[in-house]
C-alpha cells in the first residue's frame, strides 16, 4: 500500500469542506494510489516541482507528486487542493 502525505495547506482545505465533498476528494486521492492512477490527470509544467501532476475532481484540483522514502516505499504527496480558479495563482 502506498503512503499518502498531505501538506498542512492541503489538510486544512480538506478539513474545511462539507462531508460529501470531502468524501469525493478523498476517494479521488485514493484512486491515485492505484497502478495506473485513476482520474483526469495531467502533468504540470512551469513553476511546479519536477514531475508534479494535477487531478481534476469536478471544480476542484489536486496538485500532487510521487516520492520515495528511505525504505524505498512509494509516497503520494498531496501538495495542494483548491477550486480551479484559485489553485493556479
N, C-alpha and C. Protein backbone atom coordinates (compact mmCIF):
# COMPACT_ATOMS: atom_id res chain seq x y z
N UNK A 1 0.84 -1.19 0.00
CA UNK A 1 0.00 0.00 0.00
C UNK A 1 0.87 1.24 0.00
N UNK A 2 0.48 2.20 -0.78
CA UNK A 2 1.22 3.44 -0.88
C UNK A 2 0.82 4.39 0.26
N UNK A 3 1.80 5.02 0.86
CA UNK A 3 1.53 6.01 1.91
C UNK A 3 1.09 7.32 1.27
N UNK A 4 0.16 8.02 1.91
CA UNK A 4 -0.30 9.32 1.42
C UNK A 4 0.04 10.37 2.46
N UNK A 5 0.79 11.38 2.04
CA UNK A 5 1.13 12.51 2.90
C UNK A 5 0.46 13.76 2.36
N UNK A 6 -0.15 14.53 3.25
CA UNK A 6 -0.80 15.79 2.88
C UNK A 6 0.01 16.94 3.46
N UNK A 7 0.22 17.99 2.68
CA UNK A 7 0.83 19.19 3.25
C UNK A 7 -0.19 19.82 4.21
N UNK A 8 0.27 20.68 5.06
CA UNK A 8 -0.62 21.35 6.01
C UNK A 8 -1.71 22.12 5.26
N UNK A 9 -1.33 22.76 4.17
CA UNK A 9 -2.29 23.53 3.37
C UNK A 9 -3.38 22.64 2.79
N UNK A 10 -3.01 21.46 2.25
CA UNK A 10 -4.00 20.54 1.68
C UNK A 10 -4.91 19.97 2.76
N UNK A 11 -4.34 19.60 3.91
CA UNK A 11 -5.14 19.04 5.01
C UNK A 11 -6.12 20.06 5.54
N UNK A 12 -5.70 21.31 5.62
CA UNK A 12 -6.56 22.38 6.11
C UNK A 12 -7.74 22.60 5.16
N UNK A 13 -7.48 22.54 3.85
CA UNK A 13 -8.55 22.72 2.87
C UNK A 13 -9.56 21.57 2.96
N UNK A 14 -9.08 20.35 3.08
CA UNK A 14 -9.98 19.20 3.20
C UNK A 14 -10.85 19.33 4.44
N UNK A 15 -10.25 19.76 5.54
CA UNK A 15 -11.00 19.91 6.80
C UNK A 15 -12.10 20.95 6.68
N UNK A 16 -11.95 21.91 5.78
CA UNK A 16 -12.94 22.98 5.64
C UNK A 16 -14.14 22.57 4.77
N UNK A 17 -14.08 21.43 4.13
CA UNK A 17 -15.14 21.01 3.21
C UNK A 17 -16.29 20.32 3.93
N UNK A 18 -17.46 20.32 3.26
CA UNK A 18 -18.59 19.56 3.79
C UNK A 18 -18.34 18.07 3.56
N UNK A 19 -19.11 17.23 4.25
CA UNK A 19 -18.87 15.79 4.24
C UNK A 19 -18.89 15.14 2.87
N UNK A 20 -19.87 15.47 2.04
CA UNK A 20 -19.99 14.84 0.71
C UNK A 20 -18.82 15.22 -0.18
N UNK A 21 -18.44 16.50 -0.17
CA UNK A 21 -17.32 16.96 -1.00
C UNK A 21 -16.01 16.37 -0.49
N UNK A 22 -15.85 16.31 0.83
CA UNK A 22 -14.65 15.73 1.42
C UNK A 22 -14.49 14.27 0.97
N UNK A 23 -15.58 13.50 1.02
CA UNK A 23 -15.53 12.09 0.60
C UNK A 23 -15.18 11.96 -0.87
N UNK A 24 -15.71 12.84 -1.71
CA UNK A 24 -15.42 12.82 -3.14
C UNK A 24 -13.93 13.08 -3.40
N UNK A 25 -13.38 14.08 -2.70
CA UNK A 25 -11.95 14.42 -2.86
C UNK A 25 -11.08 13.27 -2.36
N UNK A 26 -11.37 12.75 -1.17
CA UNK A 26 -10.56 11.67 -0.60
C UNK A 26 -10.63 10.41 -1.46
N UNK A 27 -11.79 10.14 -2.04
CA UNK A 27 -11.93 9.00 -2.94
C UNK A 27 -11.07 9.19 -4.19
N UNK A 28 -11.06 10.41 -4.72
CA UNK A 28 -10.21 10.72 -5.88
C UNK A 28 -8.74 10.55 -5.57
N UNK A 29 -8.32 11.00 -4.39
CA UNK A 29 -6.92 10.87 -3.97
C UNK A 29 -6.57 9.38 -3.81
N UNK A 30 -7.47 8.59 -3.27
CA UNK A 30 -7.21 7.14 -3.13
C UNK A 30 -7.01 6.49 -4.50
N UNK A 31 -7.72 6.98 -5.52
CA UNK A 31 -7.55 6.46 -6.88
C UNK A 31 -6.15 6.69 -7.42
N UNK A 32 -5.43 7.66 -6.87
CA UNK A 32 -4.06 7.94 -7.31
C UNK A 32 -3.07 6.90 -6.80
N UNK A 33 -3.48 6.09 -5.82
CA UNK A 33 -2.58 5.06 -5.30
C UNK A 33 -2.63 3.79 -6.15
N UNK A 34 -3.60 3.70 -7.07
CA UNK A 34 -3.69 2.55 -7.96
C UNK A 34 -2.61 2.64 -9.04
N UNK A 35 -2.31 1.49 -9.63
CA UNK A 35 -1.36 1.47 -10.75
C UNK A 35 -2.10 0.87 -11.94
N UNK A 36 -2.36 1.64 -13.00
CA UNK A 36 -2.09 3.07 -13.15
C UNK A 36 -3.08 3.90 -12.35
N UNK A 37 -2.72 5.15 -12.03
CA UNK A 37 -3.62 6.01 -11.25
C UNK A 37 -4.91 6.29 -12.01
N UNK A 38 -6.00 6.44 -11.27
CA UNK A 38 -7.30 6.70 -11.87
C UNK A 38 -7.65 8.18 -11.77
N UNK A 39 -8.30 8.70 -12.82
CA UNK A 39 -8.78 10.07 -12.77
C UNK A 39 -8.33 10.88 -13.96
N UNK A 40 -8.79 12.12 -14.02
CA UNK A 40 -8.42 13.08 -15.06
C UNK A 40 -7.12 13.74 -14.61
N UNK A 41 -6.00 13.20 -15.10
CA UNK A 41 -4.67 13.57 -14.61
C UNK A 41 -3.86 14.22 -15.74
N UNK A 42 -3.14 15.27 -15.39
CA UNK A 42 -2.23 15.89 -16.35
C UNK A 42 -0.92 16.25 -15.65
N UNK A 43 0.18 16.16 -16.40
CA UNK A 43 1.49 16.57 -15.91
C UNK A 43 1.54 18.10 -15.94
N UNK A 44 2.04 18.70 -14.86
CA UNK A 44 2.13 20.16 -14.78
C UNK A 44 3.49 20.64 -15.26
N UNK A 45 3.49 21.83 -15.83
CA UNK A 45 4.72 22.47 -16.30
C UNK A 45 4.84 23.83 -15.61
N UNK A 46 5.98 24.45 -15.71
CA UNK A 46 6.13 25.80 -15.18
C UNK A 46 6.72 25.83 -13.79
N UNK A 47 6.08 26.54 -12.88
CA UNK A 47 6.63 26.81 -11.55
C UNK A 47 6.41 25.69 -10.55
N UNK A 48 6.05 24.52 -11.00
CA UNK A 48 5.79 23.40 -10.09
C UNK A 48 7.03 22.53 -9.98
N UNK A 49 7.19 21.83 -8.84
CA UNK A 49 8.32 20.91 -8.73
C UNK A 49 8.29 19.86 -9.83
N UNK A 50 9.42 19.32 -10.16
CA UNK A 50 9.53 18.33 -11.22
C UNK A 50 8.57 17.17 -10.98
N UNK A 51 7.94 16.72 -12.04
CA UNK A 51 7.01 15.58 -12.01
C UNK A 51 5.81 15.81 -11.09
N UNK A 52 5.28 17.03 -11.07
CA UNK A 52 4.03 17.31 -10.35
C UNK A 52 2.87 17.10 -11.31
N UNK A 53 1.77 16.63 -10.78
CA UNK A 53 0.58 16.36 -11.57
C UNK A 53 -0.61 17.08 -10.96
N UNK A 54 -1.69 17.17 -11.76
CA UNK A 54 -2.94 17.68 -11.23
C UNK A 54 -4.03 16.66 -11.52
N UNK A 55 -4.91 16.51 -10.56
CA UNK A 55 -6.08 15.65 -10.68
C UNK A 55 -7.30 16.56 -10.65
N UNK A 56 -8.18 16.40 -11.64
CA UNK A 56 -9.41 17.18 -11.67
C UNK A 56 -10.53 16.37 -11.05
N UNK A 57 -11.19 16.95 -10.06
CA UNK A 57 -12.36 16.34 -9.43
C UNK A 57 -13.46 17.40 -9.46
N UNK A 58 -14.26 17.40 -10.52
CA UNK A 58 -15.28 18.44 -10.68
C UNK A 58 -14.64 19.80 -10.77
N UNK A 59 -15.04 20.72 -9.89
CA UNK A 59 -14.47 22.07 -9.92
C UNK A 59 -13.22 22.19 -9.05
N UNK A 60 -12.80 21.09 -8.44
CA UNK A 60 -11.62 21.09 -7.58
C UNK A 60 -10.41 20.53 -8.31
N UNK A 61 -9.23 20.97 -7.89
CA UNK A 61 -7.97 20.47 -8.45
C UNK A 61 -7.08 20.03 -7.30
N UNK A 62 -6.41 18.90 -7.50
CA UNK A 62 -5.47 18.36 -6.53
C UNK A 62 -4.09 18.36 -7.19
N UNK A 63 -3.13 19.05 -6.61
CA UNK A 63 -1.75 19.07 -7.09
C UNK A 63 -0.98 18.06 -6.25
N UNK A 64 -0.30 17.12 -6.92
CA UNK A 64 0.38 16.06 -6.19
C UNK A 64 1.62 15.61 -6.94
N UNK A 65 2.43 14.82 -6.24
CA UNK A 65 3.62 14.20 -6.84
C UNK A 65 3.89 12.89 -6.12
N UNK A 66 4.68 12.06 -6.74
CA UNK A 66 5.09 10.80 -6.12
C UNK A 66 6.52 10.94 -5.62
N UNK A 67 6.82 10.30 -4.49
CA UNK A 67 8.15 10.36 -3.90
C UNK A 67 8.48 8.98 -3.35
N UNK A 68 9.68 8.82 -2.86
CA UNK A 68 10.12 7.56 -2.26
C UNK A 68 10.78 7.88 -0.93
N UNK A 69 10.46 7.11 0.12
CA UNK A 69 11.08 7.35 1.42
C UNK A 69 12.37 6.56 1.56
N UNK A 70 12.99 6.63 2.74
CA UNK A 70 14.29 5.97 2.97
C UNK A 70 14.21 4.45 2.88
N UNK A 71 13.00 3.89 3.05
CA UNK A 71 12.83 2.43 2.94
C UNK A 71 12.39 2.01 1.55
N UNK A 72 12.51 2.94 0.59
CA UNK A 72 12.16 2.69 -0.80
C UNK A 72 10.67 2.42 -0.99
N UNK A 73 9.85 2.95 -0.08
CA UNK A 73 8.40 2.83 -0.20
C UNK A 73 7.87 4.06 -0.93
N UNK A 74 6.94 3.85 -1.86
CA UNK A 74 6.37 4.98 -2.60
C UNK A 74 5.45 5.80 -1.71
N UNK A 75 5.51 7.12 -1.91
CA UNK A 75 4.68 8.05 -1.15
C UNK A 75 3.95 8.94 -2.16
N UNK A 76 2.66 9.13 -1.93
CA UNK A 76 1.88 10.10 -2.68
C UNK A 76 1.84 11.37 -1.84
N UNK A 77 2.42 12.45 -2.35
CA UNK A 77 2.47 13.71 -1.61
C UNK A 77 1.43 14.65 -2.23
N UNK A 78 0.37 14.95 -1.47
CA UNK A 78 -0.67 15.87 -1.92
C UNK A 78 -0.23 17.27 -1.50
N UNK A 79 0.16 18.06 -2.49
CA UNK A 79 0.71 19.40 -2.24
C UNK A 79 -0.37 20.43 -1.95
N UNK A 80 -1.43 20.43 -2.77
CA UNK A 80 -2.45 21.47 -2.62
C UNK A 80 -3.76 20.98 -3.20
N UNK A 81 -4.86 21.45 -2.60
CA UNK A 81 -6.21 21.19 -3.09
C UNK A 81 -6.95 22.51 -3.02
N UNK A 82 -7.64 22.85 -4.11
CA UNK A 82 -8.41 24.10 -4.10
C UNK A 82 -9.34 24.11 -5.30
N UNK A 83 -10.16 25.15 -5.38
CA UNK A 83 -11.02 25.35 -6.53
C UNK A 83 -10.17 25.66 -7.76
N UNK A 84 -10.68 25.34 -8.93
CA UNK A 84 -9.94 25.54 -10.16
C UNK A 84 -9.43 26.97 -10.30
N UNK A 85 -10.25 27.95 -10.00
CA UNK A 85 -9.87 29.36 -10.17
C UNK A 85 -8.82 29.83 -9.18
N UNK A 86 -8.62 29.12 -8.09
CA UNK A 86 -7.70 29.58 -7.04
C UNK A 86 -6.38 28.82 -7.01
N UNK A 87 -6.32 27.65 -7.60
CA UNK A 87 -5.16 26.78 -7.39
C UNK A 87 -3.94 27.19 -8.22
N UNK A 88 -4.15 27.79 -9.36
CA UNK A 88 -3.01 28.08 -10.24
C UNK A 88 -2.44 29.48 -10.00
N UNK A 89 -2.86 30.18 -8.94
CA UNK A 89 -2.36 31.53 -8.66
C UNK A 89 -0.95 31.51 -8.13
